[in-house]
Amino acid sequence: MKHILALITGFLLCSSGAILHASEPSPRPKPNIVFILADDAGIGDFSAYGCKYGVTPNIDRLAAEGMKFTRAYSGNAVCAPSRCVLMTGLHPGHELRRANQSKHGLLALPTGQMTVARVLHDAGYATGGFGKWGLGNPGTTGVAEQQGFDVFFGYYDQVHAHDYYTDYLIRNSAKVPIPQSGQHTWADYSHTRIANETLKFIEQSKERPFFCYAAWTPPHADYVIPENPKFSEKPWPEEIRNYAAMVALVDKDVGRVMQKLKDLGIDDRTLVIFSSDNGAQQEFIKPLASTGGLRGYKRLLYEGGIRAPFIARWPGKIQPGTTSGVLTTFVDFLPTAADLVGVSPPTGVDGISILPTLLGMKQAVQHESLYFEIYEPYFQQAVRLGDWKGYRLGTKAPLELYDLKADPSEQHDLARAHPDIVRKIEGIMAVEHTPSPHYDAPEQPENDKKKANKKKAASFPESLNEESASSTPGRKGK
C-alpha cells in the first residue's frame, strides 16, 4: 500500500511540476531587424515627408503602420562618415571616419571595432549586409565579414558603387562576376542583384533571428536606370528623371521586402527601419525639392545635409500611425539594437536606446544636444540644442545660430541676440570635438578656400574624396 501511495504521490508531483513548467512564460523571442538605407536621398524625396514630385506608397505604408520621426538625423552629411556612425554608435567628433577620405588616405575600421553587426552576431543573430559598405576595402581590417557580418554582398569600394552596370560585385571580399549584355537591362543592373540577395538572405534566415542591413545604392550617382516610364514625360533633364525613378525603385523594393516578411509569416516579429545616409545633392533641390525646403545639401551640416527620413515599423509593438519628435541620429541605432535583444551596448558609445519611444513608453533618457563635424569640402561643426542650431567653419570661428522651430530653413542668424546660447553651444563643440590624427580642424576658416569650395561643393569629385578610382579596375565612366 505504501508503495502504491508513493507512486501516486510521485505522479501527482511530476504532473504538478509539468503544469507549473508549462505555465511559465517562455523566453521572449528576439525580433528580426531590417535596416533599409537609401543612398543620397533627401527628406523631401518621400511622400511621407511631403515629396512634391511623386509618391512612395510602400514607404508611406511603413509610416502609416509604424512611427515617423520628425527630428531625426543621419550620421553625417556624406556616405562613409554617416555609415561609420551607424555601425559604431560613435558621433562624428569621436568616430574614425570624419570624411570619405583623410590626409592619410582611406581609413578602414580596425580589428576589434565593436559594430552593431558584431553586437547582434554575438547575441545569436544571422547578420547580412547588401549594397554599399564603404568602411574598408578587400585586404583591409575594415571588410564587413571581419566587422560582424556573416555575409556582405555588393560594393565594398565607394567609387565602384557608382557603376550600376559593373561586371562584378563583391561577396565577403571575393569578386562575383556579373556578365553584361551591353544592353543595360534589369539583369545587368547591379541593384537588381543586390535587392534579390537581400530577399534571399531574409528567406534563408527565417528560422532564427536575423539582422538585415539593406544599404542599397539608389538614388546615388551615376543617375542611370534601365527604364523610366513613370517620369519619362517630365520636362526635366535626363538625370533628374532618372533620379526620381531611382527613388521610386527604392520604394518598390521596400514593398518587396515587406511582402517577403508577410509571406514568410515573420512580419509581426520583425522591426523594419527606413532612412537615408545623408541629404540629397544640390542639383535636385530646385526641380524636385529633395531637401524638403531645408537649407544645405549633401556634405553641408545645415539641415538639408543631415536631416533624414526615419521610419520604424513593428506590428504589435509600435503603434500604427504615430509620430515622434524625439531628437535622434544614427548614433542611437547600436544601443537601441542592443536594448532590443537584451544585451549591454559597448562602453563608450555616444548613442542612447530609443526603444522606449518605439514601444510608446516614456523616453526617460534623451539627448540634450546632438553634435556633428565633417571635413569635406571644408571643416564644419554643428550642434542641435533643443530647437537651437549652431554652425561654424572653424573651432574658434564665429558661430551662426538659428531657431529651428521658428526658422527651419536656417535663414536668420540670431547669434548676436542670444550670446548665452552661443556660449553654451561653443562649449558643447569644445567638449565633443576630439582631435583626430587623420584630419586637421582649423581654428578659423580659410576665406578664399572656403568661398571657392562653397561654389563647387555640389559637384565635389567623388574620385578625390572617396575610394581611389584606381582601386576599381572595373570602374567605367569616372
Protein backbone atom coordinates (compact mmCIF):
# COMPACT_ATOMS: atom_id res chain seq x y z
CA MET A 1 0.00 0.00 0.00
CA LYS A 2 2.83 2.38 0.90
CA HIS A 3 4.41 1.58 -2.46
CA ILE A 4 1.18 2.47 -4.31
CA LEU A 5 0.78 5.73 -2.37
CA ALA A 6 4.37 6.67 -3.18
CA LEU A 7 3.75 6.08 -6.87
CA ILE A 8 0.56 8.18 -6.80
CA THR A 9 2.29 10.98 -4.89
CA GLY A 10 5.22 10.97 -7.30
CA PHE A 11 2.90 11.03 -10.28
CA LEU A 12 0.97 13.99 -8.87
CA LEU A 13 4.17 15.88 -8.09
CA CYS A 14 5.52 15.27 -11.59
CA SER A 15 2.22 16.29 -13.13
CA SER A 16 2.09 19.41 -10.99
CA GLY A 17 5.65 20.25 -11.95
CA ALA A 18 4.85 19.78 -15.60
CA ILE A 19 1.82 22.05 -15.30
CA LEU A 20 3.83 24.69 -13.46
CA HIS A 21 6.62 24.45 -16.01
CA ALA A 22 4.18 24.75 -18.89
CA SER A 23 2.58 27.81 -17.34
CA GLU A 24 5.90 29.65 -17.00
CA PRO A 25 6.36 32.30 -19.68
CA SER A 26 8.67 31.23 -22.45
CA PRO A 27 11.72 33.41 -23.15
CA ARG A 28 10.84 36.44 -25.26
CA PRO A 29 11.76 35.67 -28.87
CA LYS A 30 14.37 38.00 -30.27
CA PRO A 31 12.94 40.16 -33.07
CA ASN A 32 14.44 40.33 -36.52
CA ILE A 33 15.86 43.71 -37.52
CA VAL A 34 15.82 45.06 -41.08
CA PHE A 35 17.50 48.44 -41.62
CA ILE A 36 16.94 49.81 -45.14
CA LEU A 37 19.27 52.66 -46.02
CA ALA A 38 18.80 54.72 -49.17
CA ASP A 39 21.90 56.44 -50.55
CA ASP A 40 21.88 60.26 -51.00
CA ALA A 41 18.11 60.59 -50.84
CA GLY A 42 16.80 63.78 -49.27
CA ILE A 43 13.98 64.02 -46.77
CA GLY A 44 11.87 65.70 -49.46
CA ASP A 45 12.09 62.67 -51.76
CA PHE A 46 9.48 60.69 -49.80
CA SER A 47 5.78 61.46 -49.76
CA ALA A 48 5.51 60.66 -46.05
CA TYR A 49 7.62 63.80 -45.61
CA GLY A 50 5.88 65.91 -48.26
CA CYS A 51 7.51 64.89 -51.55
CA LYS A 52 6.23 67.21 -54.29
CA TYR A 53 7.08 65.28 -57.46
CA GLY A 54 5.81 61.75 -56.85
CA VAL A 55 4.65 59.23 -54.31
CA THR A 56 6.42 56.44 -52.44
CA PRO A 57 3.47 54.23 -51.43
CA ASN A 58 5.39 51.45 -49.73
CA ILE A 59 7.44 53.80 -47.56
CA ASP A 60 4.21 55.69 -46.85
CA ARG A 61 2.74 52.39 -45.65
CA LEU A 62 5.68 51.90 -43.30
CA ALA A 63 4.84 55.26 -41.76
CA ALA A 64 1.09 54.56 -41.65
CA GLU A 65 1.70 51.22 -39.95
CA GLY A 66 4.53 52.42 -37.73
CA MET A 67 6.25 55.53 -36.36
CA LYS A 68 7.59 58.51 -38.29
CA PHE A 69 10.32 60.61 -36.70
CA THR A 70 10.24 64.34 -37.41
CA ARG A 71 13.53 65.38 -35.75
CA ALA A 72 15.81 62.58 -36.90
CA TYR A 73 19.27 62.94 -38.40
CA SER A 74 21.63 60.76 -40.37
CA GLY A 75 25.10 60.04 -39.01
CA ASN A 76 26.80 62.74 -41.04
CA ALA A 77 26.48 64.70 -44.28
CA VAL A 78 28.32 62.26 -46.54
CA CYS A 79 28.41 58.50 -47.09
CA ALA A 80 31.29 56.87 -45.20
CA PRO A 81 31.19 59.01 -42.02
CA SER A 82 27.43 58.55 -41.79
CA ARG A 83 27.71 54.76 -42.12
CA CYS A 84 30.54 54.75 -39.61
CA VAL A 85 28.24 56.40 -37.04
CA LEU A 86 25.51 53.87 -37.82
CA MET A 87 27.81 50.90 -37.37
CA THR A 88 29.79 52.07 -34.32
CA GLY A 89 27.45 54.22 -32.23
CA LEU A 90 30.11 56.97 -32.10
CA HIS A 91 29.21 60.51 -33.10
CA PRO A 92 31.21 62.46 -35.72
CA GLY A 93 33.53 64.01 -33.12
CA HIS A 94 34.63 60.58 -31.92
CA GLU A 95 34.33 58.28 -34.93
CA LEU A 96 37.24 57.16 -37.12
CA ARG A 97 35.80 58.27 -40.48
CA ARG A 98 35.03 62.01 -40.44
CA ALA A 99 35.15 62.39 -44.22
CA ASN A 100 35.24 59.92 -47.09
CA GLN A 101 38.98 60.50 -47.38
CA SER A 102 41.64 61.56 -44.85
CA LYS A 103 45.10 63.11 -45.04
CA HIS A 104 46.43 59.55 -44.60
CA GLY A 105 44.27 58.04 -47.33
CA LEU A 106 41.40 55.66 -46.77
CA LEU A 107 40.66 54.65 -43.19
CA ALA A 108 39.37 51.13 -42.59
CA LEU A 109 37.61 50.08 -39.41
CA PRO A 110 40.24 48.47 -37.16
CA THR A 111 40.35 44.89 -35.95
CA GLY A 112 38.21 44.52 -32.85
CA GLN A 113 35.98 47.52 -33.60
CA MET A 114 32.62 46.96 -31.96
CA THR A 115 29.84 47.36 -34.51
CA VAL A 116 26.11 46.84 -34.35
CA ALA A 117 26.57 43.78 -36.57
CA ARG A 118 29.06 42.30 -34.10
CA VAL A 119 26.77 43.02 -31.14
CA LEU A 120 23.89 41.24 -32.85
CA HIS A 121 26.05 38.40 -34.18
CA ASP A 122 27.35 37.74 -30.66
CA ALA A 123 23.73 37.69 -29.46
CA GLY A 124 22.98 34.81 -31.85
CA TYR A 125 21.80 36.69 -34.91
CA ALA A 126 22.43 35.85 -38.53
CA THR A 127 23.89 39.04 -39.99
CA GLY A 128 23.76 40.05 -43.63
CA GLY A 129 24.57 43.27 -45.45
CA PHE A 130 23.63 44.19 -49.01
CA GLY A 131 24.54 47.25 -51.05
CA LYS A 132 27.36 49.68 -50.28
CA TRP A 133 29.77 49.15 -47.39
CA GLY A 134 32.40 51.92 -47.63
CA LEU A 135 34.22 51.22 -44.34
CA GLY A 136 37.06 49.06 -45.62
CA ASN A 137 38.05 47.59 -48.97
CA PRO A 138 39.14 43.98 -49.55
CA GLY A 139 42.51 43.33 -47.97
CA THR A 140 41.91 45.68 -45.04
CA THR A 141 40.74 45.11 -41.48
CA GLY A 142 37.54 47.03 -42.25
CA VAL A 143 35.87 44.49 -44.52
CA ALA A 144 32.32 43.67 -43.48
CA GLU A 145 32.97 39.99 -42.78
CA GLN A 146 35.55 41.00 -40.17
CA GLN A 147 33.17 43.50 -38.60
CA GLY A 148 30.36 41.18 -37.55
CA PHE A 149 28.66 40.24 -40.80
CA ASP A 150 28.20 36.63 -41.86
CA VAL A 151 27.80 37.85 -45.41
CA PHE A 152 28.00 41.16 -47.26
CA PHE A 153 27.15 41.36 -50.94
CA GLY A 154 27.50 44.43 -53.12
CA TYR A 155 30.16 47.14 -53.23
CA TYR A 156 32.99 47.49 -50.75
CA ASP A 157 34.63 50.40 -52.59
CA GLN A 158 32.59 53.61 -52.85
CA VAL A 159 33.77 54.66 -56.30
CA HIS A 160 32.91 51.20 -57.60
CA ALA A 161 29.41 51.82 -56.27
CA HIS A 162 28.86 54.49 -58.93
CA ASP A 163 28.85 51.77 -61.59
CA TYR A 164 25.37 50.27 -61.85
CA TYR A 165 26.44 48.22 -64.88
CA THR A 166 29.55 46.76 -63.30
CA ASP A 167 30.98 43.44 -64.42
CA TYR A 168 31.41 42.27 -60.81
CA LEU A 169 30.18 42.72 -57.28
CA ILE A 170 31.80 41.59 -54.02
CA ARG A 171 30.73 38.85 -51.62
CA ASN A 172 32.89 38.72 -48.48
CA SER A 173 35.88 40.22 -50.33
CA ALA A 174 35.59 37.83 -53.29
CA LYS A 175 34.59 39.05 -56.74
CA VAL A 176 31.30 37.75 -58.11
CA PRO A 177 31.27 38.15 -61.91
CA ILE A 178 28.21 39.77 -63.49
CA PRO A 179 28.24 39.13 -67.23
CA GLN A 180 26.99 42.24 -69.00
CA SER A 181 24.77 42.02 -72.07
CA GLY A 182 25.74 45.51 -73.20
CA GLN A 183 22.05 46.41 -73.42
CA HIS A 184 21.71 47.90 -69.90
CA THR A 185 18.83 45.62 -68.94
CA TRP A 186 17.47 44.95 -65.45
CA ALA A 187 19.55 41.77 -65.40
CA ASP A 188 22.65 43.91 -65.98
CA TYR A 189 21.70 46.43 -63.30
CA SER A 190 23.60 45.90 -60.04
CA HIS A 191 20.72 46.87 -57.75
CA THR A 192 18.64 44.02 -59.18
CA ARG A 193 21.20 41.52 -57.89
CA ILE A 194 21.59 43.31 -54.57
CA ALA A 195 17.85 43.52 -53.87
CA ASN A 196 17.39 39.86 -54.81
CA GLU A 197 20.21 38.84 -52.46
CA THR A 198 18.55 40.86 -49.70
CA LEU A 199 15.33 38.87 -50.12
CA LYS A 200 17.24 35.61 -50.35
CA PHE A 201 19.01 36.27 -47.04
CA ILE A 202 15.70 37.04 -45.31
CA GLU A 203 14.19 33.79 -46.59
CA GLN A 204 17.22 31.70 -45.65
CA SER A 205 17.33 33.20 -42.15
CA LYS A 206 13.64 32.95 -41.30
CA GLU A 207 14.11 30.19 -38.71
CA ARG A 208 16.44 32.26 -36.50
CA PRO A 209 16.72 35.91 -35.52
CA PHE A 210 18.49 37.96 -38.17
CA PHE A 211 19.84 41.43 -38.85
CA CYS A 212 19.49 42.53 -42.46
CA TYR A 213 21.35 45.73 -43.36
CA ALA A 214 19.98 46.76 -46.77
CA ALA A 215 22.36 49.61 -47.62
CA TRP A 216 21.05 49.95 -51.16
CA THR A 217 22.83 52.25 -53.60
CA PRO A 218 20.00 54.15 -55.38
CA PRO A 219 19.47 57.06 -55.84
CA HIS A 220 23.22 57.80 -55.60
CA ALA A 221 25.07 58.74 -58.79
CA ASP A 222 25.57 57.61 -61.51
CA TYR A 223 21.96 58.50 -62.37
CA VAL A 224 21.12 55.62 -64.65
CA ILE A 225 18.29 53.11 -64.69
CA PRO A 226 17.25 50.52 -67.31
CA GLU A 227 13.85 52.09 -67.90
CA ASN A 228 11.89 55.03 -66.58
CA PRO A 229 8.30 55.01 -67.80
CA LYS A 230 6.90 56.82 -64.75
CA PHE A 231 8.88 60.04 -65.25
CA SER A 232 9.84 59.77 -68.92
CA GLU A 233 7.39 62.50 -69.97
CA LYS A 234 8.53 65.03 -67.38
CA PRO A 235 10.21 68.15 -68.87
CA TRP A 236 13.36 67.56 -66.84
CA PRO A 237 16.95 66.75 -67.78
CA GLU A 238 17.57 63.02 -68.03
CA GLU A 239 19.50 62.77 -64.76
CA ILE A 240 16.59 64.40 -62.90
CA ARG A 241 14.10 61.95 -64.40
CA ASN A 242 16.39 59.04 -63.61
CA TYR A 243 16.95 60.18 -60.04
CA ALA A 244 13.19 60.32 -59.45
CA ALA A 245 12.86 56.85 -60.96
CA MET A 246 15.64 55.54 -58.69
CA VAL A 247 13.77 56.82 -55.64
CA ALA A 248 10.68 55.02 -56.92
CA LEU A 249 12.78 51.86 -57.35
CA VAL A 250 13.86 52.02 -53.70
CA ASP A 251 10.20 52.30 -52.72
CA LYS A 252 9.29 49.34 -54.91
CA ASP A 253 11.91 47.16 -53.26
CA VAL A 254 10.84 48.27 -49.79
CA GLY A 255 7.49 46.83 -50.81
CA ARG A 256 9.15 43.58 -51.89
CA VAL A 257 10.83 43.27 -48.50
CA MET A 258 7.55 43.87 -46.67
CA GLN A 259 5.76 41.29 -48.82
CA LYS A 260 8.52 38.75 -48.20
CA LEU A 261 8.21 39.18 -44.43
CA LYS A 262 4.45 38.69 -44.72
CA ASP A 263 4.77 35.64 -46.97
CA LEU A 264 7.22 34.03 -44.54
CA GLY A 265 4.92 34.68 -41.57
CA ILE A 266 7.55 36.71 -39.70
CA ASP A 267 6.11 40.17 -40.24
CA ASP A 268 4.98 40.60 -36.64
CA ARG A 269 8.38 39.73 -35.19
CA THR A 270 10.42 42.00 -37.43
CA LEU A 271 11.39 45.61 -36.77
CA VAL A 272 11.86 47.44 -40.06
CA ILE A 273 13.63 50.82 -40.14
CA PHE A 274 13.95 53.04 -43.18
CA SER A 275 16.30 56.02 -43.55
CA SER A 276 18.87 57.71 -45.82
CA ASP A 277 22.58 58.22 -45.22
CA ASN A 278 22.67 61.99 -45.87
CA GLY A 279 20.90 64.78 -47.71
CA ALA A 280 20.39 64.99 -51.45
CA GLN A 281 22.77 66.55 -53.95
CA GLN A 282 22.33 70.23 -54.75
CA GLU A 283 21.09 69.69 -58.33
CA PHE A 284 17.86 68.08 -57.07
CA ILE A 285 16.79 70.97 -54.83
CA LYS A 286 15.25 73.27 -57.44
CA PRO A 287 13.47 70.73 -59.70
CA LEU A 288 12.44 68.20 -57.04
CA ALA A 289 12.69 69.96 -53.65
CA SER A 290 14.61 66.89 -52.49
CA THR A 291 15.81 68.54 -49.28
CA GLY A 292 12.26 69.43 -48.25
CA GLY A 293 12.84 73.18 -48.26
CA LEU A 294 15.74 72.93 -45.81
CA ARG A 295 18.98 74.84 -46.29
CA GLY A 296 22.03 72.96 -47.50
CA TYR A 297 22.55 69.59 -49.12
CA LYS A 298 24.97 66.66 -49.11
CA ARG A 299 28.34 67.48 -47.44
CA LEU A 300 26.97 70.51 -45.59
CA LEU A 301 25.95 70.45 -41.92
CA TYR A 302 22.98 72.71 -42.49
CA GLU A 303 19.69 70.84 -42.06
CA GLY A 304 19.39 69.84 -45.73
CA GLY A 305 22.60 67.83 -45.46
CA ILE A 306 21.83 65.86 -42.30
CA ARG A 307 18.08 65.77 -41.63
CA ALA A 308 16.85 62.35 -42.62
CA PRO A 309 13.66 60.38 -43.09
CA PHE A 310 13.43 57.87 -40.25
CA ILE A 311 10.53 55.44 -40.05
CA ALA A 312 10.16 52.36 -37.85
CA ARG A 313 7.52 49.65 -38.14
CA TRP A 314 6.98 46.64 -35.85
CA PRO A 315 3.44 45.21 -35.86
CA GLY A 316 2.01 44.70 -32.40
CA LYS A 317 4.81 46.69 -30.75
CA ILE A 318 4.90 50.09 -32.47
CA GLN A 319 1.57 51.90 -32.51
CA PRO A 320 0.49 52.47 -36.13
CA GLY A 321 0.38 56.00 -37.47
CA THR A 322 2.37 57.56 -34.65
CA THR A 323 4.81 60.44 -34.89
CA SER A 324 7.80 61.13 -32.65
CA GLY A 325 9.67 64.39 -32.19
CA VAL A 326 12.46 62.83 -30.13
CA LEU A 327 15.93 64.01 -31.17
CA THR A 328 17.83 61.08 -32.64
CA THR A 329 20.61 60.25 -35.09
CA PHE A 330 22.23 57.09 -36.43
CA VAL A 331 24.35 57.11 -33.27
CA ASP A 332 21.34 55.65 -31.43
CA PHE A 333 20.92 52.56 -33.59
CA LEU A 334 23.58 50.41 -31.90
CA PRO A 335 22.37 50.96 -28.31
CA THR A 336 18.76 50.56 -29.44
CA ALA A 337 19.57 47.24 -31.13
CA ALA A 338 21.44 46.08 -28.02
CA ASP A 339 18.47 47.02 -25.82
CA LEU A 340 16.14 45.23 -28.20
CA VAL A 341 17.96 41.90 -27.80
CA GLY A 342 18.68 42.29 -24.09
CA VAL A 343 22.43 42.89 -24.08
CA SER A 344 24.52 45.81 -22.88
CA PRO A 345 25.92 48.17 -25.51
CA PRO A 346 29.69 48.57 -25.70
CA THR A 347 31.15 51.06 -23.26
CA GLY A 348 31.93 54.45 -24.67
CA VAL A 349 29.21 54.70 -27.32
CA ASP A 350 27.62 58.11 -27.75
CA GLY A 351 24.11 56.95 -28.55
CA ILE A 352 21.13 56.11 -26.37
CA SER A 353 18.44 53.48 -26.77
CA ILE A 354 15.24 54.87 -28.24
CA LEU A 355 13.43 51.57 -27.69
CA PRO A 356 11.10 53.19 -25.11
CA THR A 357 9.97 55.67 -27.77
CA LEU A 358 9.40 52.88 -30.28
CA LEU A 359 7.29 50.96 -27.77
CA GLY A 360 5.21 54.01 -26.86
CA MET A 361 6.78 54.40 -23.43
CA LYS A 362 8.33 57.44 -21.78
CA GLN A 363 11.80 58.21 -23.16
CA ALA A 364 13.46 58.91 -19.82
CA VAL A 365 16.95 59.32 -21.28
CA GLN A 366 17.14 61.81 -24.13
CA HIS A 367 19.83 63.76 -25.94
CA GLU A 368 20.29 67.25 -24.59
CA SER A 369 22.24 68.02 -27.75
CA LEU A 370 23.42 66.43 -31.00
CA TYR A 371 26.94 67.02 -32.31
CA PHE A 372 28.28 66.89 -35.88
CA GLU A 373 31.55 67.65 -37.63
CA ILE A 374 32.83 66.98 -41.13
CA TYR A 375 36.00 67.71 -43.13
CA GLU A 376 34.72 67.90 -46.69
CA PRO A 377 34.52 70.01 -48.73
CA TYR A 378 35.84 72.01 -45.75
CA PHE A 379 35.74 71.71 -41.96
CA GLN A 380 32.35 72.31 -40.36
CA GLN A 381 30.84 71.88 -36.90
CA ALA A 382 27.17 71.85 -35.94
CA VAL A 383 25.18 71.32 -32.75
CA ARG A 384 21.47 70.93 -32.24
CA LEU A 385 20.46 72.01 -28.74
CA GLY A 386 16.72 71.65 -28.33
CA ASP A 387 15.31 73.89 -31.06
CA TRP A 388 18.57 75.83 -31.41
CA LYS A 389 21.11 75.05 -34.11
CA GLY A 390 24.70 76.27 -34.12
CA TYR A 391 27.00 76.10 -37.14
CA ARG A 392 30.57 77.25 -37.77
CA LEU A 393 33.56 76.73 -40.07
CA GLY A 394 36.42 76.57 -37.55
CA THR A 395 36.93 75.56 -33.94
CA LYS A 396 37.20 79.24 -32.94
CA ALA A 397 35.20 80.75 -35.79
CA PRO A 398 32.12 82.91 -35.22
CA LEU A 399 29.01 80.83 -34.64
CA GLU A 400 25.84 81.08 -36.71
CA LEU A 401 22.74 80.49 -34.57
CA TYR A 402 19.28 79.51 -35.78
CA ASP A 403 15.95 78.85 -34.09
CA LEU A 404 14.78 75.76 -35.96
CA LYS A 405 11.27 75.90 -34.56
CA ALA A 406 10.65 79.38 -35.98
CA ASP A 407 13.16 79.17 -38.83
CA PRO A 408 13.60 75.56 -40.01
CA SER A 409 15.34 76.68 -43.21
CA GLU A 410 18.09 78.49 -41.23
CA GLN A 411 17.70 81.91 -42.85
CA HIS A 412 18.03 84.20 -39.83
CA ASP A 413 21.25 84.20 -37.83
CA LEU A 414 20.39 85.07 -34.21
CA ALA A 415 23.87 84.78 -32.72
CA ARG A 416 24.14 88.44 -31.70
CA ALA A 417 20.77 88.35 -29.97
CA HIS A 418 21.50 85.25 -27.89
CA PRO A 419 25.11 85.28 -26.65
CA ASP A 420 24.22 82.91 -23.80
CA ILE A 421 23.06 80.21 -26.24
CA VAL A 422 26.13 80.83 -28.41
CA ARG A 423 28.42 80.27 -25.43
CA LYS A 424 26.61 77.07 -24.46
CA ILE A 425 26.84 75.64 -27.97
CA GLU A 426 30.51 76.64 -28.24
CA GLY A 427 31.10 74.77 -25.00
CA ILE A 428 29.41 71.64 -26.39
CA MET A 429 31.53 71.84 -29.54
CA ALA A 430 34.72 72.16 -27.47
CA VAL A 431 33.84 69.11 -25.37
CA GLU A 432 32.54 66.86 -28.15
CA HIS A 433 35.27 67.54 -30.72
CA THR A 434 38.11 65.11 -30.16
CA PRO A 435 41.15 65.91 -32.33
CA SER A 436 41.99 63.20 -34.86
CA PRO A 437 45.46 62.43 -36.23
CA HIS A 438 43.82 61.83 -39.62
CA TYR A 439 42.18 65.24 -40.04
CA ASP A 440 43.13 68.87 -39.44
CA ALA A 441 40.49 71.08 -37.82
CA PRO A 442 41.29 74.77 -38.43
CA GLU A 443 40.60 77.38 -35.79
CA GLN A 444 39.36 79.80 -38.43
CA PRO A 445 38.15 79.18 -41.99
CA GLU A 446 40.46 79.97 -44.86
CA ASN A 447 38.23 82.55 -46.54
CA ASP A 448 39.44 82.24 -50.13
CA LYS A 449 39.40 78.47 -49.99
CA LYS A 450 36.02 78.49 -48.25
CA LYS A 451 34.46 80.65 -50.95
CA ALA A 452 35.90 78.53 -53.73
CA ASN A 453 34.77 75.29 -52.11
CA LYS A 454 31.27 76.61 -51.50
CA LYS A 455 30.89 77.18 -55.24
CA LYS A 456 31.97 73.65 -56.12
CA ALA A 457 30.55 71.78 -53.11
CA ALA A 458 27.66 70.26 -55.05
CA SER A 459 29.97 68.74 -57.65
CA PHE A 460 32.82 67.81 -55.31
CA PRO A 461 34.53 64.98 -57.26
CA GLU A 462 33.98 61.70 -55.51
CA SER A 463 37.04 60.19 -57.18
CA LEU A 464 39.06 62.57 -54.99
CA ASN A 465 37.27 62.11 -51.71
CA GLU A 466 36.12 58.52 -51.75
CA GLU A 467 37.93 55.33 -52.63
CA SER A 468 40.53 55.82 -55.33
CA ALA A 469 39.19 55.06 -58.78
CA SER A 470 42.42 53.21 -59.49
CA SER A 471 41.39 50.64 -56.88
CA THR A 472 38.46 49.50 -59.02
CA PRO A 473 39.66 48.18 -62.36
CA GLY A 474 36.09 47.56 -63.49
CA ARG A 475 35.09 51.19 -62.95
CA LYS A 476 33.61 52.85 -66.02
CA GLY A 477 32.99 56.50 -66.73
CA LYS A 478 34.74 58.17 -63.76
